[in-house]
Structures are given as structure tokens and as C-alpha cells.
Amino acid sequence: MNIKALFIGDTNHTGIQFFRSLFVGGIATVADMAVLIVIREVFGVPESIAAVFGFIVGLAVNYIISTYWVFAKAKVKNRAMDFIAFGVIGVIGLGLTQLIIEPFSVKGMFGEGFLVSHAVFGSLIPTDKYYIIGKMLAVVLVYMWNFFARKFFLYRKSENEN
């Protein structure tokens, strides 16, 4: 495999798309995490709500870069419909994120999370920072969901394409 192909040109090669999406996911995650932390730490908004704002920013960053660099051709030709479908997959990922973050939250959707109330990490990490660990775990798991769902449903090469 040509190193140049990893970074330049359109591709339908899943391995190259996965590699590229790691970069895109990283950029989107930095944007998502920055918004989450700022809204939580500066404005005191509960983690579960702050995560939604981070998600929206991360989704927009991910879509813009992915449609130009990761996935060469969308099955859906209408950009608005493509974004909606991309977003639906992302919203499912957001739901998964919320479920993963919940046990790590001081102010979760269902109150204090299990891991916080039991101080699972002891004195290593303050319990009001556990949500960051939950978010990092969610990033890995939800990344896998997002990539493969988008690849399969939105950007998979059809049978009649060369």
C-alpha cells in the first residue's frame, strides 16, 4: 500500500477509510471534549447535558471532514438527507455515550452514578472528574459503532460500482 494513498485522494478501501477516520474522529473528539469540559467546568451544567452540546459540535466537525476526506461517495446524493442519516447514526452513538457516561457522573440523568457513589477509583481521581474517564471509554466504543454503521449504511460501495 502506498503511504500517499493513506492521506491523499478518494478511496473506497475500508482500511484507508478507517485510518483516516481515526484522525477525523480525533479532531472531532477534541472539539467534543473541549465543549463538554468547558460547559461542565465553566458553566456548571450537568455532564449529561454538557455532553449533548459537545456531541453537536463533534458531529458537525466529523461530518464536514468525513464527507471530503474519508468517504469518497455517499449512497445518498442529497447533502441534507446525507447529513440527517449521518446524524441519526451519531444520535444512536450519543445514546450509547450517555449510557456509558452515566455510571461515571456526579449529576447524571438518574442521579449520582454507581462508580461515583462507590468511589471506585479511590483517591486517585476526584469523583467529580470521573465523567472524563466515562467519556474516554465512550469515545472508543462509540467510534467503532459510528465508523462501521456509516460505512455500511451510507458509504459502502454498491455492487454495480467498479
Protein backbone atom coordinates (compact mmCIF):
# COMPACT_ATOMS: atom_id res chain seq x y z
CA MET A 1 0.00 0.00 0.00
CA ASN A 2 1.23 3.44 -0.95
CA ILE A 3 1.72 5.81 2.03
CA LYS A 4 0.42 8.68 -0.10
CA ALA A 5 -2.91 6.83 -0.53
CA LEU A 6 -3.42 6.94 3.23
CA PHE A 7 -3.72 10.72 3.08
CA ILE A 8 -4.46 11.84 -0.48
CA GLY A 9 -7.21 11.03 -2.95
CA ASP A 10 -10.63 9.40 -2.89
CA THR A 11 -10.82 5.82 -1.71
CA ASN A 12 -13.32 3.05 -1.10
CA HIS A 13 -10.70 0.95 0.71
CA THR A 14 -12.09 0.25 4.18
CA GLY A 15 -8.65 0.11 5.80
CA ILE A 16 -7.68 3.53 4.47
CA GLN A 17 -11.08 4.95 5.41
CA PHE A 18 -10.70 3.52 8.93
CA PHE A 19 -7.21 5.05 9.20
CA ARG A 20 -8.43 8.44 8.00
CA SER A 21 -11.48 8.33 10.23
CA LEU A 22 -9.19 7.87 13.24
CA PHE A 23 -7.76 11.31 12.50
CA VAL A 24 -11.18 12.81 11.87
CA GLY A 25 -12.54 11.14 14.99
CA GLY A 26 -9.61 12.51 16.96
CA ILE A 27 -10.25 16.06 15.77
CA ALA A 28 -13.99 15.73 16.39
CA THR A 29 -13.33 14.21 19.83
CA VAL A 30 -11.08 17.10 20.83
CA ALA A 31 -13.84 19.52 19.81
CA ASP A 32 -16.48 17.41 21.62
CA MET A 33 -14.39 17.04 24.80
CA ALA A 34 -13.43 20.73 24.86
CA VAL A 35 -17.07 21.79 24.66
CA LEU A 36 -18.10 19.17 27.25
CA ILE A 37 -15.43 20.23 29.74
CA VAL A 38 -15.93 23.98 29.24
CA ILE A 39 -19.70 23.76 29.60
CA ARG A 40 -19.38 21.47 32.66
CA GLU A 41 -16.50 23.22 34.39
CA VAL A 42 -17.13 26.87 33.48
CA PHE A 43 -20.92 26.93 33.45
CA GLY A 44 -21.64 24.10 35.91
CA VAL A 45 -24.04 22.34 33.54
CA PRO A 46 -24.65 18.64 34.39
CA GLU A 47 -22.46 16.18 32.48
CA SER A 48 -25.36 14.59 30.62
CA ILE A 49 -26.48 17.94 29.21
CA ALA A 50 -22.96 19.23 28.54
CA ALA A 51 -22.28 16.00 26.60
CA VAL A 52 -25.11 16.87 24.19
CA PHE A 53 -23.50 20.22 23.33
CA GLY A 54 -20.14 18.52 22.83
CA PHE A 55 -21.80 15.91 20.65
CA ILE A 56 -23.35 18.52 18.35
CA VAL A 57 -20.02 20.26 17.79
CA GLY A 58 -18.19 16.94 17.31
CA LEU A 59 -20.84 15.69 14.87
CA ALA A 60 -20.57 18.81 12.71
CA VAL A 61 -16.76 18.65 12.64
CA ASN A 62 -16.86 14.91 11.86
CA TYR A 63 -19.41 15.26 9.04
CA ILE A 64 -17.62 18.10 7.30
CA ILE A 65 -14.21 16.43 7.30
CA SER A 66 -15.54 12.90 6.66
CA THR A 67 -17.52 13.83 3.57
CA TYR A 68 -14.49 15.47 1.97
CA TRP A 69 -11.67 13.20 3.08
CA VAL A 70 -12.78 9.82 4.47
CA PHE A 71 -15.71 8.62 2.39
CA ALA A 72 -15.42 9.23 -1.34
CA LYS A 73 -19.02 8.66 -2.37
CA ALA A 74 -22.24 8.80 -0.43
CA LYS A 75 -25.12 6.48 -1.31
CA VAL A 76 -27.45 9.39 -0.59
CA LYS A 77 -26.81 12.17 -3.11
CA ASN A 78 -28.87 14.84 -1.33
CA ARG A 79 -26.49 16.55 1.15
CA ALA A 80 -29.26 17.38 3.62
CA MET A 81 -30.52 13.78 3.68
CA ASP A 82 -26.95 12.51 3.92
CA PHE A 83 -26.32 14.74 6.94
CA ILE A 84 -29.58 13.62 8.55
CA ALA A 85 -28.67 9.95 8.09
CA PHE A 86 -25.12 10.67 9.33
CA GLY A 87 -26.67 12.45 12.29
CA VAL A 88 -29.09 9.60 13.10
CA ILE A 89 -26.16 7.22 13.37
CA GLY A 90 -24.46 9.83 15.54
CA VAL A 91 -27.55 10.21 17.74
CA ILE A 92 -27.52 6.47 18.36
CA GLY A 93 -23.86 6.93 19.31
CA LEU A 94 -24.88 9.77 21.62
CA GLY A 95 -27.37 7.45 23.32
CA LEU A 96 -24.61 4.91 23.79
CA THR A 97 -22.34 7.67 25.14
CA GLN A 98 -24.99 8.73 27.64
CA LEU A 99 -25.40 5.15 28.85
CA ILE A 100 -21.64 4.74 29.19
CA ILE A 101 -21.10 8.08 30.97
CA GLU A 102 -24.00 7.61 33.41
CA PRO A 103 -22.20 5.41 35.96
CA PHE A 104 -19.30 7.92 35.96
CA SER A 105 -21.49 11.00 36.55
CA VAL A 106 -21.94 13.11 39.65
CA LYS A 107 -25.10 14.64 38.18
CA GLY A 108 -26.32 12.06 35.69
CA MET A 109 -29.75 11.53 34.23
CA PHE A 110 -30.56 9.19 37.11
CA GLY A 111 -28.66 11.00 39.84
CA GLU A 112 -25.23 10.07 41.07
CA GLY A 113 -23.62 7.28 39.08
CA PHE A 114 -22.72 3.92 40.59
CA LEU A 115 -18.96 4.35 40.14
CA VAL A 116 -19.08 7.81 41.72
CA SER A 117 -21.22 6.78 44.68
CA HIS A 118 -18.86 3.89 45.39
CA ALA A 119 -15.69 5.94 44.68
CA VAL A 120 -14.33 3.08 42.58
CA PHE A 121 -11.10 4.88 41.75
CA GLY A 122 -10.50 5.80 45.38
CA SER A 123 -8.40 8.89 45.88
CA LEU A 124 -6.62 8.56 42.52
CA ILE A 125 -9.19 10.76 40.78
CA PRO A 126 -11.70 13.16 42.33
CA THR A 127 -15.20 11.77 41.86
CA ASP A 128 -16.35 14.96 40.12
CA LYS A 129 -13.86 14.16 37.32
CA TYR A 130 -14.97 10.54 36.74
CA TYR A 131 -17.13 11.67 33.82
CA ILE A 132 -13.93 12.27 31.83
CA ILE A 133 -12.99 8.58 32.19
CA GLY A 134 -16.51 7.60 31.13
CA LYS A 135 -16.26 9.86 28.12
CA MET A 136 -12.90 8.39 27.08
CA LEU A 137 -14.35 4.87 27.27
CA ALA A 138 -17.40 6.01 25.31
CA VAL A 139 -15.18 7.58 22.64
CA VAL A 140 -13.59 4.23 21.82
CA LEU A 141 -16.79 2.19 21.78
CA VAL A 142 -18.91 4.77 20.01
CA TYR A 143 -16.17 5.40 17.44
CA MET A 144 -16.42 1.76 16.38
CA TRP A 145 -20.21 1.99 16.12
CA ASN A 146 -20.10 5.23 14.14
CA PHE A 147 -17.46 4.14 11.64
CA PHE A 148 -18.92 0.76 10.80
CA ALA A 149 -22.55 1.95 10.76
CA ARG A 150 -21.70 4.87 8.47
CA LYS A 151 -19.52 2.69 6.25
CA PHE A 152 -22.25 0.07 5.91
CA PHE A 153 -25.35 2.25 5.65
CA LEU A 154 -24.09 5.42 3.99
CA TYR A 155 -20.80 4.92 2.21
CA ARG A 156 -20.49 1.26 1.23
CA LYS A 157 -19.60 0.69 -2.37
CA SER A 158 -22.62 -0.73 -4.19
CA GLU A 159 -22.49 -3.99 -6.15
CA ASN A 160 -22.69 -2.28 -9.56
CA GLU A 161 -19.78 0.14 -8.94
CA ASN A 162 -16.28 -0.70 -10.16
